[in-house]
Amino acid sequence: MKGDAGYAIRNGKRIDTVNVYDPLDHAKPKVRRSKEHFARLTKERQKLLAGASGAAWAIYSYLLTVNWLDLHRPVKLTNQALAEIGVSPDAKLRALPQLERVGLIKVKIVGRQAPIVTPLK
C-alpha cells in the first residue's frame, strides 16, 4: 500500500505511522433509486382536467408517470397497460376524446391497434 511514512509520539515513545490512501474515502456516494414512480401534475394541468372523468385522470397520470423525463414522447396505450391501473377499454375510449378536447394529448389511431398517445402539455 502506498502512503506517507511518519511518526507520532505518544506517552514519550516514538510510534512509526503510515498514512494510507483509501479510495473508498473519496468515492462518490451511490445514488439511491426509488422503486416508486411519480408524475408531475402542475396546476395548469389540474385546471384542464377539472371536469374530466376519473378514467381521464388515471390515463393522464399514467402518461405523466411513463414520460416524466421526456413528456412529448408518444406512448402506445394498450388495454393491458391500462388494466393494471384499473381503466377498462370502454373507459379508455370515452376518456381519450375528453383529454384531446382540452388539449392535453394528441391521439393517433391506426386501424384496430392500440392508440398512440402523445402528451402535449
PDB file of N, CA and C in Angstrom:
ATOM      1  N   MET A   1       0.841  -1.177   0.000  1.00  0.00           N
ATOM      2  CA  MET A   1       0.000   0.000   0.000  1.00  0.00           C
ATOM      3  C   MET A   1       0.882   1.234   0.000  1.00  0.00           C
ATOM      4  N   LYS A   2       0.444   2.200  -0.772  1.00  0.00           N
ATOM      5  CA  LYS A   2       1.193   3.447  -0.818  1.00  0.00           C
ATOM      6  C   LYS A   2       0.758   4.338   0.320  1.00  0.00           C
ATOM      7  N   GLY A   3       1.709   5.137   0.812  1.00  0.00           N
ATOM      8  CA  GLY A   3       1.357   6.064   1.870  1.00  0.00           C
ATOM      9  C   GLY A   3       2.567   6.862   2.288  1.00  0.00           C
ATOM     10  N   ASP A   4       2.347   7.842   3.094  1.00  0.00           N
ATOM     11  CA  ASP A   4       3.432   8.674   3.608  1.00  0.00           C
ATOM     12  C   ASP A   4       3.836   8.132   4.976  1.00  0.00           C
ATOM     13  N   ALA A   5       5.151   7.905   5.117  1.00  0.00           N
ATOM     14  CA  ALA A   5       5.652   7.424   6.398  1.00  0.00           C
ATOM     15  C   ALA A   5       5.882   8.615   7.322  1.00  0.00           C
ATOM     16  N   GLY A   6       5.743   8.392   8.587  1.00  0.00           N
ATOM     17  CA  GLY A   6       5.961   9.441   9.566  1.00  0.00           C
ATOM     18  C   GLY A   6       6.023   8.824  10.941  1.00  0.00           C
ATOM     19  N   TYR A   7       5.938   9.669  11.939  1.00  0.00           N
ATOM     20  CA  TYR A   7       5.940   9.133  13.293  1.00  0.00           C
ATOM     21  C   TYR A   7       5.111  10.048  14.183  1.00  0.00           C
ATOM     22  N   ALA A   8       4.709   9.493  15.294  1.00  0.00           N
ATOM     23  CA  ALA A   8       3.974  10.221  16.310  1.00  0.00           C
ATOM     24  C   ALA A   8       4.568   9.849  17.659  1.00  0.00           C
ATOM     25  N   ILE A   9       4.444  10.749  18.584  1.00  0.00           N
ATOM     26  CA  ILE A   9       4.972  10.476  19.916  1.00  0.00           C
ATOM     27  C   ILE A   9       3.788  10.365  20.862  1.00  0.00           C
ATOM     28  N   ARG A  10       3.717   9.224  21.532  1.00  0.00           N
ATOM     29  CA  ARG A  10       2.638   9.003  22.483  1.00  0.00           C
ATOM     30  C   ARG A  10       3.253   8.436  23.757  1.00  0.00           C
ATOM     31  N   ASN A  11       2.916   9.066  24.875  1.00  0.00           N
ATOM     32  CA  ASN A  11       3.438   8.656  26.177  1.00  0.00           C
ATOM     33  C   ASN A  11       4.978   8.612  26.182  1.00  0.00           C
ATOM     34  N   GLY A  12       5.576   9.557  25.447  1.00  0.00           N
ATOM     35  CA  GLY A  12       7.028   9.652  25.426  1.00  0.00           C
ATOM     36  C   GLY A  12       7.700   8.633  24.528  1.00  0.00           C
ATOM     37  N   LYS A  13       6.931   7.818  23.805  1.00  0.00           N
ATOM     38  CA  LYS A  13       7.519   6.827  22.916  1.00  0.00           C
ATOM     39  C   LYS A  13       7.214   7.203  21.475  1.00  0.00           C
ATOM     40  N   ARG A  14       8.199   6.948  20.610  1.00  0.00           N
ATOM     41  CA  ARG A  14       8.035   7.227  19.192  1.00  0.00           C
ATOM     42  C   ARG A  14       7.333   6.047  18.527  1.00  0.00           C
ATOM     43  N   ILE A  15       6.258   6.355  17.788  1.00  0.00           N
ATOM     44  CA  ILE A  15       5.493   5.317  17.090  1.00  0.00           C
ATOM     45  C   ILE A  15       5.563   5.640  15.601  1.00  0.00           C
ATOM     46  N   ASP A  16       6.051   4.686  14.804  1.00  0.00           N
ATOM     47  CA  ASP A  16       6.078   4.875  13.352  1.00  0.00           C
ATOM     48  C   ASP A  16       4.657   4.755  12.798  1.00  0.00           C
ATOM     49  N   THR A  17       4.322   5.671  11.902  1.00  0.00           N
ATOM     50  CA  THR A  17       2.976   5.680  11.318  1.00  0.00           C
ATOM     51  C   THR A  17       3.071   5.692   9.809  1.00  0.00           C
ATOM     52  N   VAL A  18       1.998   5.275   9.168  1.00  0.00           N
ATOM     53  CA  VAL A  18       1.879   5.314   7.712  1.00  0.00           C
ATOM     54  C   VAL A  18       0.484   5.839   7.395  1.00  0.00           C
ATOM     55  N   ASN A  19       0.412   6.873   6.551  1.00  0.00           N
ATOM     56  CA  ASN A  19      -0.873   7.391   6.086  1.00  0.00           C
ATOM     57  C   ASN A  19      -1.254   6.610   4.831  1.00  0.00           C
ATOM     58  N   VAL A  20      -2.330   5.898   4.901  1.00  0.00           N
ATOM     59  CA  VAL A  20      -2.752   5.035   3.806  1.00  0.00           C
ATOM     60  C   VAL A  20      -3.900   5.702   3.059  1.00  0.00           C
ATOM     61  N   TYR A  21      -3.805   5.715   1.728  1.00  0.00           N
ATOM     62  CA  TYR A  21      -4.884   6.242   0.894  1.00  0.00           C
ATOM     63  C   TYR A  21      -5.950   5.171   0.746  1.00  0.00           C
ATOM     64  N   ASP A  22      -7.156   5.519   1.113  1.00  0.00           N
ATOM     65  CA  ASP A  22      -8.285   4.599   0.970  1.00  0.00           C
ATOM     66  C   ASP A  22      -9.205   5.165  -0.103  1.00  0.00           C
ATOM     67  N   PRO A  23      -9.328   4.505  -1.264  1.00  0.00           N
ATOM     68  CA  PRO A  23     -10.172   5.045  -2.335  1.00  0.00           C
ATOM     69  C   PRO A  23     -11.639   5.161  -1.940  1.00  0.00           C
ATOM     70  N   LEU A  24     -12.075   4.371  -0.962  1.00  0.00           N
ATOM     71  CA  LEU A  24     -13.474   4.460  -0.540  1.00  0.00           C
ATOM     72  C   LEU A  24     -13.766   5.771   0.184  1.00  0.00           C
ATOM     73  N   ASP A  25     -12.729   6.389   0.776  1.00  0.00           N
ATOM     74  CA  ASP A  25     -12.932   7.679   1.428  1.00  0.00           C
ATOM     75  C   ASP A  25     -13.247   8.780   0.418  1.00  0.00           C
ATOM     76  N   HIS A  26     -12.828   8.593  -0.837  1.00  0.00           N
ATOM     77  CA  HIS A  26     -13.006   9.613  -1.863  1.00  0.00           C
ATOM     78  C   HIS A  26     -14.004   9.197  -2.936  1.00  0.00           C
ATOM     79  N   ALA A  27     -14.663   8.092  -2.746  1.00  0.00           N
ATOM     80  CA  ALA A  27     -15.621   7.618  -3.739  1.00  0.00           C
ATOM     81  C   ALA A  27     -16.883   8.465  -3.681  1.00  0.00           C
ATOM     82  N   LYS A  28     -17.537   8.592  -4.834  1.00  0.00           N
ATOM     83  CA  LYS A  28     -18.803   9.319  -4.891  1.00  0.00           C
ATOM     84  C   LYS A  28     -19.878   8.474  -4.213  1.00  0.00           C
ATOM     85  N   PRO A  29     -20.762   9.114  -3.482  1.00  0.00           N
ATOM     86  CA  PRO A  29     -21.836   8.330  -2.854  1.00  0.00           C
ATOM     87  C   PRO A  29     -22.778   7.771  -3.921  1.00  0.00           C
ATOM     88  N   LYS A  30     -23.250   6.580  -3.680  1.00  0.00           N
ATOM     89  CA  LYS A  30     -24.172   5.964  -4.630  1.00  0.00           C
ATOM     90  C   LYS A  30     -25.530   6.659  -4.544  1.00  0.00           C
ATOM     91  N   VAL A  31     -26.138   6.826  -5.710  1.00  0.00           N
ATOM     92  CA  VAL A  31     -27.458   7.440  -5.765  1.00  0.00           C
ATOM     93  C   VAL A  31     -28.494   6.351  -5.538  1.00  0.00           C
ATOM     94  N   ARG A  32     -29.368   6.591  -4.577  1.00  0.00           N
ATOM     95  CA  ARG A  32     -30.431   5.624  -4.313  1.00  0.00           C
ATOM     96  C   ARG A  32     -31.569   5.872  -5.279  1.00  0.00           C
ATOM     97  N   ARG A  33     -31.922   4.862  -6.006  1.00  0.00           N
ATOM     98  CA  ARG A  33     -33.030   4.963  -6.951  1.00  0.00           C
ATOM     99  C   ARG A  33     -34.282   4.411  -6.278  1.00  0.00           C
ATOM    100  N   SER A  34     -35.322   5.203  -6.321  1.00  0.00           N
ATOM    101  CA  SER A  34     -36.579   4.773  -5.727  1.00  0.00           C
ATOM    102  C   SER A  34     -37.295   3.843  -6.685  1.00  0.00           C
ATOM    103  N   LYS A  35     -37.965   2.861  -6.156  1.00  0.00           N
ATOM    104  CA  LYS A  35     -38.738   1.961  -6.997  1.00  0.00           C
ATOM    105  C   LYS A  35     -40.141   2.496  -7.225  1.00  0.00           C
ATOM    106  N   GLU A  36     -40.440   3.614  -6.607  1.00  0.00           N
ATOM    107  CA  GLU A  36     -41.745   4.235  -6.797  1.00  0.00           C
ATOM    108  C   GLU A  36     -41.677   5.180  -7.979  1.00  0.00           C
ATOM    109  N   HIS A  37     -42.794   5.289  -8.684  1.00  0.00           N
ATOM    110  CA  HIS A  37     -42.876   6.192  -9.826  1.00  0.00           C
ATOM    111  C   HIS A  37     -43.635   7.438  -9.399  1.00  0.00           C
ATOM    112  N   PHE A  38     -43.361   8.534 -10.057  1.00  0.00           N
ATOM    113  CA  PHE A  38     -44.073   9.752  -9.736  1.00  0.00           C
ATOM    114  C   PHE A  38     -44.419  10.489 -11.013  1.00  0.00           C
ATOM    115  N   ALA A  39     -45.365  11.402 -10.918  1.00  0.00           N
ATOM    116  CA  ALA A  39     -45.791  12.208 -12.056  1.00  0.00           C
ATOM    117  C   ALA A  39     -45.842  13.660 -11.620  1.00  0.00           C
ATOM    118  N   ARG A  40     -45.478  14.538 -12.534  1.00  0.00           N
ATOM    119  CA  ARG A  40     -45.501  15.964 -12.232  1.00  0.00           C
ATOM    120  C   ARG A  40     -46.798  16.551 -12.789  1.00  0.00           C
ATOM    121  N   LEU A  41     -47.728  16.819 -11.914  1.00  0.00           N
ATOM    122  CA  LEU A  41     -49.031  17.344 -12.306  1.00  0.00           C
ATOM    123  C   LEU A  41     -49.106  18.803 -11.865  1.00  0.00           C
ATOM    124  N   THR A  42     -48.955  19.718 -12.811  1.00  0.00           N
ATOM    125  CA  THR A  42     -48.943  21.140 -12.490  1.00  0.00           C
ATOM    126  C   THR A  42     -50.358  21.661 -12.285  1.00  0.00           C
ATOM    127  N   LYS A  43     -50.455  22.873 -11.738  1.00  0.00           N
ATOM    128  CA  LYS A  43     -51.783  23.473 -11.512  1.00  0.00           C
ATOM    129  C   LYS A  43     -52.497  23.731 -12.830  1.00  0.00           C
ATOM    130  N   GLU A  44     -51.745  24.086 -13.864  1.00  0.00           N
ATOM    131  CA  GLU A  44     -52.351  24.314 -15.177  1.00  0.00           C
ATOM    132  C   GLU A  44     -53.011  23.036 -15.693  1.00  0.00           C
ATOM    133  N   ARG A  45     -52.313  21.919 -15.541  1.00  0.00           N
ATOM    134  CA  ARG A  45     -52.862  20.633 -15.979  1.00  0.00           C
ATOM    135  C   ARG A  45     -54.066  20.245 -15.133  1.00  0.00           C
ATOM    136  N   GLN A  46     -54.017  20.535 -13.840  1.00  0.00           N
ATOM    137  CA  GLN A  46     -55.155  20.234 -12.968  1.00  0.00           C
ATOM    138  C   GLN A  46     -56.387  21.009 -13.398  1.00  0.00           C
ATOM    139  N   LYS A  47     -56.223  22.271 -13.773  1.00  0.00           N
ATOM    140  CA  LYS A  47     -57.364  23.082 -14.217  1.00  0.00           C
ATOM    141  C   LYS A  47     -57.964  22.525 -15.497  1.00  0.00           C
ATOM    142  N   LEU A  48     -57.115  22.058 -16.412  1.00  0.00           N
ATOM    143  CA  LEU A  48     -57.624  21.477 -17.657  1.00  0.00           C
ATOM    144  C   LEU A  48     -58.353  20.155 -17.412  1.00  0.00           C
ATOM    145  N   LEU A  49     -57.948  19.429 -16.378  1.00  0.00           N
ATOM    146  CA  LEU A  49     -58.576  18.148 -16.053  1.00  0.00           C
ATOM    147  C   LEU A  49     -59.791  18.297 -15.128  1.00  0.00           C
ATOM    148  N   ALA A  50     -60.134  19.513 -14.759  1.00  0.00           N
ATOM    149  CA  ALA A  50     -61.158  19.748 -13.735  1.00  0.00           C
ATOM    150  C   ALA A  50     -62.474  19.024 -14.010  1.00  0.00           C
ATOM    151  N   GLY A  51     -62.980  19.038 -15.222  1.00  0.00           N
ATOM    152  CA  GLY A  51     -64.268  18.408 -15.494  1.00  0.00           C
ATOM    153  C   GLY A  51     -64.154  17.018 -16.071  1.00  0.00           C
ATOM    154  N   ALA A  52     -62.979  16.464 -16.104  1.00  0.00           N
ATOM    155  CA  ALA A  52     -62.762  15.169 -16.742  1.00  0.00           C
ATOM    156  C   ALA A  52     -63.167  14.019 -15.817  1.00  0.00           C
ATOM    157  N   SER A  53     -63.383  12.865 -16.432  1.00  0.00           N
ATOM    158  CA  SER A  53     -63.765  11.668 -15.670  1.00  0.00           C
ATOM    159  C   SER A  53     -62.567  11.100 -14.917  1.00  0.00           C
ATOM    160  N   GLY A  54     -62.848  10.157 -14.055  1.00  0.00           N
ATOM    161  CA  GLY A  54     -61.786   9.501 -13.298  1.00  0.00           C
ATOM    162  C   GLY A  54     -60.842   8.729 -14.203  1.00  0.00           C
ATOM    163  N   ALA A  55     -61.378   8.134 -15.269  1.00  0.00           N
ATOM    164  CA  ALA A  55     -60.540   7.398 -16.213  1.00  0.00           C
ATOM    165  C   ALA A  55     -59.587   8.355 -16.929  1.00  0.00           C
ATOM    166  N   ALA A  56     -60.066   9.557 -17.247  1.00  0.00           N
ATOM    167  CA  ALA A  56     -59.205  10.551 -17.908  1.00  0.00           C
ATOM    168  C   ALA A  56     -58.066  10.950 -16.976  1.00  0.00           C
ATOM    169  N   TRP A  57     -58.381  11.154 -15.701  1.00  0.00           N
ATOM    170  CA  TRP A  57     -57.339  11.477 -14.711  1.00  0.00           C
ATOM    171  C   TRP A  57     -56.324  10.342 -14.628  1.00  0.00           C
ATOM    172  N   ALA A  58     -56.814   9.104 -14.569  1.00  0.00           N
ATOM    173  CA  ALA A  58     -55.924   7.944 -14.440  1.00  0.00           C
ATOM    174  C   ALA A  58     -55.034   7.802 -15.674  1.00  0.00           C
ATOM    175  N   ILE A  59     -55.612   7.978 -16.864  1.00  0.00           N
ATOM    176  CA  ILE A  59     -54.831   7.841 -18.101  1.00  0.00           C
ATOM    177  C   ILE A  59     -53.782   8.940 -18.188  1.00  0.00           C
ATOM    178  N   TYR A  60     -54.163  10.171 -17.882  1.00  0.00           N
ATOM    179  CA  TYR A  60     -53.198  11.265 -17.972  1.00  0.00           C
ATOM    180  C   TYR A  60     -52.095  11.109 -16.918  1.00  0.00           C
ATOM    181  N   SER A  61     -52.450  10.667 -15.744  1.00  0.00           N
ATOM    182  CA  SER A  61     -51.439  10.415 -14.710  1.00  0.00           C
ATOM    183  C   SER A  61     -50.488   9.310 -15.146  1.00  0.00           C
ATOM    184  N   TYR A  62     -51.032   8.279 -15.784  1.00  0.00           N
ATOM    185  CA  TYR A  62     -50.203   7.190 -16.311  1.00  0.00           C
ATOM    186  C   TYR A  62     -49.229   7.724 -17.352  1.00  0.00           C
ATOM    187  N   LEU A  63     -49.717   8.579 -18.265  1.00  0.00           N
ATOM    188  CA  LEU A  63     -48.843   9.150 -19.297  1.00  0.00           C
ATOM    189  C   LEU A  63     -47.737   9.999 -18.682  1.00  0.00           C
ATOM    190  N   LEU A  64     -48.072  10.775 -17.660  1.00  0.00           N
ATOM    191  CA  LEU A  64     -47.060  11.589 -16.988  1.00  0.00           C
ATOM    192  C   LEU A  64     -46.034  10.719 -16.270  1.00  0.00           C
ATOM    193  N   THR A  65     -46.485   9.629 -15.704  1.00  0.00           N
ATOM    194  CA  THR A  65     -45.579   8.731 -14.991  1.00  0.00           C
ATOM    195  C   THR A  65     -44.621   8.042 -15.954  1.00  0.00           C
ATOM    196  N   VAL A  66     -45.143   7.575 -17.069  1.00  0.00           N
ATOM    197  CA  VAL A  66     -44.317   6.875 -18.055  1.00  0.00           C
ATOM    198  C   VAL A  66     -43.326   7.839 -18.705  1.00  0.00           C
ATOM    199  N   ASN A  67     -43.744   9.058 -18.943  1.00  0.00           N
ATOM    200  CA  ASN A  67     -42.929  10.019 -19.684  1.00  0.00           C
ATOM    201  C   ASN A  67     -42.393  11.147 -18.829  1.00  0.00           C
ATOM    202  N   TRP A  68     -42.076  10.945 -17.597  1.00  0.00           N
ATOM    203  CA  TRP A  68     -41.716  12.066 -16.736  1.00  0.00           C
ATOM    204  C   TRP A  68     -40.419  12.735 -17.171  1.00  0.00           C
ATOM    205  N   LEU A  69     -39.530  12.028 -17.853  1.00  0.00           N
ATOM    206  CA  LEU A  69     -38.296  12.664 -18.332  1.00  0.00           C
ATOM    207  C   LEU A  69     -38.493  13.369 -19.665  1.00  0.00           C
ATOM    208  N   ASP A  70     -39.260  12.770 -20.566  1.00  0.00           N
ATOM    209  CA  ASP A  70     -39.485  13.333 -21.892  1.00  0.00           C
ATOM    210  C   ASP A  70     -40.985  13.316 -22.156  1.00  0.00           C
ATOM    211  N   LEU A  71     -41.656  14.381 -21.758  1.00  0.00           N
ATOM    212  CA  LEU A  71     -43.121  14.396 -21.762  1.00  0.00           C
ATOM    213  C   LEU A  71     -43.727  14.233 -23.149  1.00  0.00           C
ATOM    214  N   HIS A  72     -43.079  14.698 -24.174  1.00  0.00           N
ATOM    215  CA  HIS A  72     -43.693  14.696 -25.504  1.00  0.00           C
ATOM    216  C   HIS A  72     -43.414  13.425 -26.313  1.00  0.00           C
ATOM    217  N   ARG A  73     -42.941  12.386 -25.668  1.00  0.00           N
ATOM    218  CA  ARG A  73     -42.682  11.116 -26.346  1.00  0.00           C
ATOM    219  C   ARG A  73     -43.995  10.337 -26.494  1.00  0.00           C
ATOM    220  N   PRO A  74     -44.309   9.833 -27.698  1.00  0.00           N
ATOM    221  CA  PRO A  74     -45.541   9.062 -27.901  1.00  0.00           C
ATOM    222  C   PRO A  74     -45.536   7.749 -27.109  1.00  0.00           C
ATOM    223  N   VAL A  75     -46.727   7.357 -26.652  1.00  0.00           N
ATOM    224  CA  VAL A  75     -46.883   6.126 -25.868  1.00  0.00           C
ATOM    225  C   VAL A  75     -48.004   5.307 -26.497  1.00  0.00           C
ATOM    226  N   LYS A  76     -47.751   4.018 -26.686  1.00  0.00           N
ATOM    227  CA  LYS A  76     -48.797   3.120 -27.167  1.00  0.00           C
ATOM    228  C   LYS A  76     -49.646   2.723 -25.974  1.00  0.00           C
ATOM    229  N   LEU A  77     -50.915   3.080 -26.002  1.00  0.00           N
ATOM    230  CA  LEU A  77     -51.801   2.904 -24.853  1.00  0.00           C
ATOM    231  C   LEU A  77     -52.576   1.598 -24.995  1.00  0.00           C
ATOM    232  N   THR A  78     -51.989   0.507 -24.512  1.00  0.00           N
ATOM    233  CA  THR A  78     -52.615  -0.806 -24.648  1.00  0.00           C
ATOM    234  C   THR A  78     -53.633  -1.036 -23.542  1.00  0.00           C
ATOM    235  N   ASN A  79     -54.575  -1.916 -23.822  1.00  0.00           N
ATOM    236  CA  ASN A  79     -55.589  -2.270 -22.820  1.00  0.00           C
ATOM    237  C   ASN A  79     -54.943  -2.949 -21.615  1.00  0.00           C
ATOM    238  N   GLN A  80     -53.899  -3.729 -21.851  1.00  0.00           N
ATOM    239  CA  GLN A  80     -53.224  -4.438 -20.763  1.00  0.00           C
ATOM    240  C   GLN A  80     -52.550  -3.448 -19.806  1.00  0.00           C
ATOM    241  N   ALA A  81     -51.905  -2.427 -20.355  1.00  0.00           N
ATOM    242  CA  ALA A  81     -51.250  -1.428 -19.504  1.00  0.00           C
ATOM    243  C   ALA A  81     -52.278  -0.669 -18.668  1.00  0.00           C
ATOM    244  N   LEU A  82     -53.409  -0.347 -19.272  1.00  0.00           N
ATOM    245  CA  LEU A  82     -54.438   0.400 -18.544  1.00  0.00           C
ATOM    246  C   LEU A  82     -55.187  -0.482 -17.550  1.00  0.00           C
ATOM    247  N   ALA A  83     -55.265  -1.779 -17.823  1.00  0.00           N
ATOM    248  CA  ALA A  83     -55.917  -2.686 -16.869  1.00  0.00           C
ATOM    249  C   ALA A  83     -55.144  -2.714 -15.553  1.00  0.00           C
ATOM    250  N   GLU A  84     -53.822  -2.526 -15.624  1.00  0.00           N
ATOM    251  CA  GLU A  84     -53.002  -2.507 -14.414  1.00  0.00           C
ATOM    252  C   GLU A  84     -53.325  -1.315 -13.513  1.00  0.00           C
ATOM    253  N   ILE A  85     -53.834  -0.219 -14.112  1.00  0.00           N
ATOM    254  CA  ILE A  85     -54.197   0.952 -13.296  1.00  0.00           C
ATOM    255  C   ILE A  85     -55.708   1.058 -13.113  1.00  0.00           C
ATOM    256  N   GLY A  86     -56.441   0.027 -13.554  1.00  0.00           N
ATOM    257  CA  GLY A  86     -57.875  -0.035 -13.289  1.00  0.00           C
ATOM    258  C   GLY A  86     -58.761   0.675 -14.295  1.00  0.00           C
ATOM    259  N   VAL A  87     -58.300   0.847 -15.527  1.00  0.00           N
ATOM    260  CA  VAL A  87     -59.100   1.511 -16.560  1.00  0.00           C
ATOM    261  C   VAL A  87     -59.517   0.470 -17.592  1.00  0.00           C
ATOM    262  N   SER A  88     -60.811   0.366 -17.843  1.00  0.00           N
ATOM    263  CA  SER A  88     -61.321  -0.601 -18.813  1.00  0.00           C
ATOM    264  C   SER A  88     -61.163  -0.053 -20.235  1.00  0.00           C
ATOM    265  N   PRO A  89     -61.249  -0.932 -21.247  1.00  0.00           N
ATOM    266  CA  PRO A  89     -61.157  -0.470 -22.636  1.00  0.00           C
ATOM    267  C   PRO A  89     -62.265   0.524 -23.007  1.00  0.00           C
ATOM    268  N   ASP A  90     -63.474   0.305 -22.477  1.00  0.00           N
ATOM    269  CA  ASP A  90     -64.577   1.234 -22.768  1.00  0.00           C
ATOM    270  C   ASP A  90     -64.312   2.607 -22.157  1.00  0.00           C
ATOM    271  N   ALA A  91     -63.811   2.613 -20.932  1.00  0.00           N
ATOM    272  CA  ALA A  91     -63.498   3.884 -20.270  1.00  0.00           C
ATOM    273  C   ALA A  91     -62.379   4.608 -21.013  1.00  0.00           C
ATOM    274  N   LYS A  92     -61.435   3.842 -21.550  1.00  0.00           N
ATOM    275  CA  LYS A  92     -60.350   4.438 -22.326  1.00  0.00           C
ATOM    276  C   LYS A  92     -60.911   5.157 -23.553  1.00  0.00           C
ATOM    277  N   LEU A  93     -61.848   4.506 -24.249  1.00  0.00           N
ATOM    278  CA  LEU A  93     -62.424   5.109 -25.461  1.00  0.00           C
ATOM    279  C   LEU A  93     -63.226   6.374 -25.147  1.00  0.00           C
ATOM    280  N   ARG A  94     -63.797   6.458 -23.956  1.00  0.00           N
ATOM    281  CA  ARG A  94     -64.528   7.666 -23.564  1.00  0.00           C
ATOM    282  C   ARG A  94     -63.583   8.763 -23.059  1.00  0.00           C
ATOM    283  N   ALA A  95     -62.493   8.360 -22.421  1.00  0.00           N
ATOM    284  CA  ALA A  95     -61.593   9.340 -21.803  1.00  0.00           C
ATOM    285  C   ALA A  95     -60.650  10.005 -22.804  1.00  0.00           C
ATOM    286  N   LEU A  96     -60.208   9.282 -23.815  1.00  0.00           N
ATOM    287  CA  LEU A  96     -59.252   9.865 -24.762  1.00  0.00           C
ATOM    288  C   LEU A  96     -59.792  11.102 -25.480  1.00  0.00           C
ATOM    289  N   PRO A  97     -61.048  11.081 -25.965  1.00  0.00           N
ATOM    290  CA  PRO A  97     -61.569  12.312 -26.582  1.00  0.00           C
ATOM    291  C   PRO A  97     -61.674  13.478 -25.593  1.00  0.00           C
ATOM    292  N   GLN A  98     -61.968  13.193 -24.321  1.00  0.00           N
ATOM    293  CA  GLN A  98     -62.010  14.268 -23.311  1.00  0.00           C
ATOM    294  C   GLN A  98     -60.649  14.934 -23.180  1.00  0.00           C
ATOM    295  N   LEU A  99     -59.613  14.115 -23.079  1.00  0.00           N
ATOM    296  CA  LEU A  99     -58.259  14.652 -22.923  1.00  0.00           C
ATOM    297  C   LEU A  99     -57.800  15.384 -24.183  1.00  0.00           C
ATOM    298  N   GLU A 100     -58.207  14.886 -25.334  1.00  0.00           N
ATOM    299  CA  GLU A 100     -57.830  15.538 -26.589  1.00  0.00           C
ATOM    300  C   GLU A 100     -58.559  16.876 -26.742  1.00  0.00           C
ATOM    301  N   ARG A 101     -59.796  16.924 -26.297  1.00  0.00           N
ATOM    302  CA  ARG A 101     -60.606  18.140 -26.403  1.00  0.00           C
ATOM    303  C   ARG A 101     -60.023  19.290 -25.575  1.00  0.00           C
ATOM    304  N   VAL A 102     -59.501  18.987 -24.397  1.00  0.00           N
ATOM    305  CA  VAL A 102     -58.929  20.045 -23.554  1.00  0.00           C
ATOM    306  C   VAL A 102     -57.480  20.362 -23.919  1.00  0.00           C
ATOM    307  N   GLY A 103     -56.916  19.623 -24.881  1.00  0.00           N
ATOM    308  CA  GLY A 103     -55.589  19.936 -25.385  1.00  0.00           C
ATOM    309  C   GLY A 103     -54.428  19.333 -24.615  1.00  0.00           C
ATOM    310  N   LEU A 104     -54.681  18.299 -23.829  1.00  0.00           N
ATOM    311  CA  LEU A 104     -53.595  17.677 -23.065  1.00  0.00           C
ATOM    312  C   LEU A 104     -52.870  16.589 -23.846  1.00  0.00           C
ATOM    313  N   ILE A 105     -53.568  15.970 -24.803  1.00  0.00           N
ATOM    314  CA  ILE A 105     -52.953  14.889 -25.570  1.00  0.00           C
ATOM    315  C   ILE A 105     -53.336  15.001 -27.039  1.00  0.00           C
ATOM    316  N   LYS A 106     -52.594  14.252 -27.858  1.00  0.00           N
ATOM    317  CA  LYS A 106     -52.927  14.080 -29.275  1.00  0.00           C
ATOM    318  C   LYS A 106     -53.002  12.576 -29.502  1.00  0.00           C
ATOM    319  N   VAL A 107     -54.089  12.116 -30.108  1.00  0.00           N
ATOM    320  CA  VAL A 107     -54.315  10.682 -30.285  1.00  0.00           C
ATOM    321  C   VAL A 107     -54.191  10.328 -31.762  1.00  0.00           C
ATOM    322  N   LYS A 108     -53.437   9.258 -32.022  1.00  0.00           N
ATOM    323  CA  LYS A 108     -53.316   8.742 -33.383  1.00  0.00           C
ATOM    324  C   LYS A 108     -53.795   7.293 -33.358  1.00  0.00           C
ATOM    325  N   ILE A 109     -54.865   7.023 -34.111  1.00  0.00           N
ATOM    326  CA  ILE A 109     -55.428   5.669 -34.151  1.00  0.00           C
ATOM    327  C   ILE A 109     -55.102   5.054 -35.503  1.00  0.00           C
ATOM    328  N   VAL A 110     -54.500   3.857 -35.469  1.00  0.00           N
ATOM    329  CA  VAL A 110     -54.124   3.148 -36.682  1.00  0.00           C
ATOM    330  C   VAL A 110     -54.869   1.824 -36.710  1.00  0.00           C
ATOM    331  N   GLY A 111     -55.937   1.769 -37.488  1.00  0.00           N
ATOM    332  CA  GLY A 111     -56.721   0.537 -37.599  1.00  0.00           C
ATOM    333  C   GLY A 111     -57.266   0.085 -36.256  1.00  0.00           C
ATOM    334  N   ARG A 112     -57.114  -1.208 -35.969  1.00  0.00           N
ATOM    335  CA  ARG A 112     -57.606  -1.769 -34.707  1.00  0.00           C
ATOM    336  C   ARG A 112     -56.500  -1.923 -33.675  1.00  0.00           C
ATOM    337  N   GLN A 113     -55.377  -1.271 -33.915  1.00  0.00           N
ATOM    338  CA  GLN A 113     -54.274  -1.335 -32.965  1.00  0.00           C
ATOM    339  C   GLN A 113     -54.511  -0.364 -31.817  1.00  0.00           C
ATOM    340  N   ALA A 114     -53.715  -0.510 -30.785  1.00  0.00           N
ATOM    341  CA  ALA A 114     -53.794   0.392 -29.629  1.00  0.00           C
ATOM    342  C   ALA A 114     -53.457   1.812 -30.087  1.00  0.00           C
ATOM    343  N   PRO A 115     -54.188   2.808 -29.582  1.00  0.00           N
ATOM    344  CA  PRO A 115     -53.914   4.188 -29.977  1.00  0.00           C
ATOM    345  C   PRO A 115     -52.542   4.640 -29.493  1.00  0.00           C
ATOM    346  N   ILE A 116     -51.915   5.495 -30.295  1.00  0.00           N
ATOM    347  CA  ILE A 116     -50.638   6.087 -29.923  1.00  0.00           C
ATOM    348  C   ILE A 116     -50.943   7.496 -29.412  1.00  0.00           C
ATOM    349  N   VAL A 117     -50.604   7.741 -28.157  1.00  0.00           N
ATOM    350  CA  VAL A 117     -50.978   8.995 -27.497  1.00  0.00           C
ATOM    351  C   VAL A 117     -49.709   9.794 -27.214  1.00  0.00           C
ATOM    352  N   THR A 118     -49.763  11.079 -27.562  1.00  0.00           N
ATOM    353  CA  THR A 118     -48.651  11.980 -27.293  1.00  0.00           C
ATOM    354  C   THR A 118     -49.126  13.079 -26.347  1.00  0.00           C
ATOM    355  N   PRO A 119     -48.576  13.164 -25.139  1.00  0.00           N
ATOM    356  CA  PRO A 119     -48.928  14.266 -24.242  1.00  0.00           C
ATOM    357  C   PRO A 119     -48.409  15.586 -24.819  1.00  0.00           C
ATOM    358  N   LEU A 120     -49.218  16.629 -24.717  1.00  0.00           N
ATOM    359  CA  LEU A 120     -48.840  17.920 -25.293  1.00  0.00           C
ATOM    360  C   LEU A 120     -48.349  18.909 -24.263  1.00  0.00           C
ATOM    361  N   LYS A 121     -48.914  18.921 -23.075  1.00  0.00           N
ATOM    362  CA  LYS A 121     -48.533  19.913 -22.062  1.00  0.00           C
ATOM    363  C   LYS A 121     -47.973  19.237 -20.845  1.00  0.00           C
TER     364      LYS A 121
END
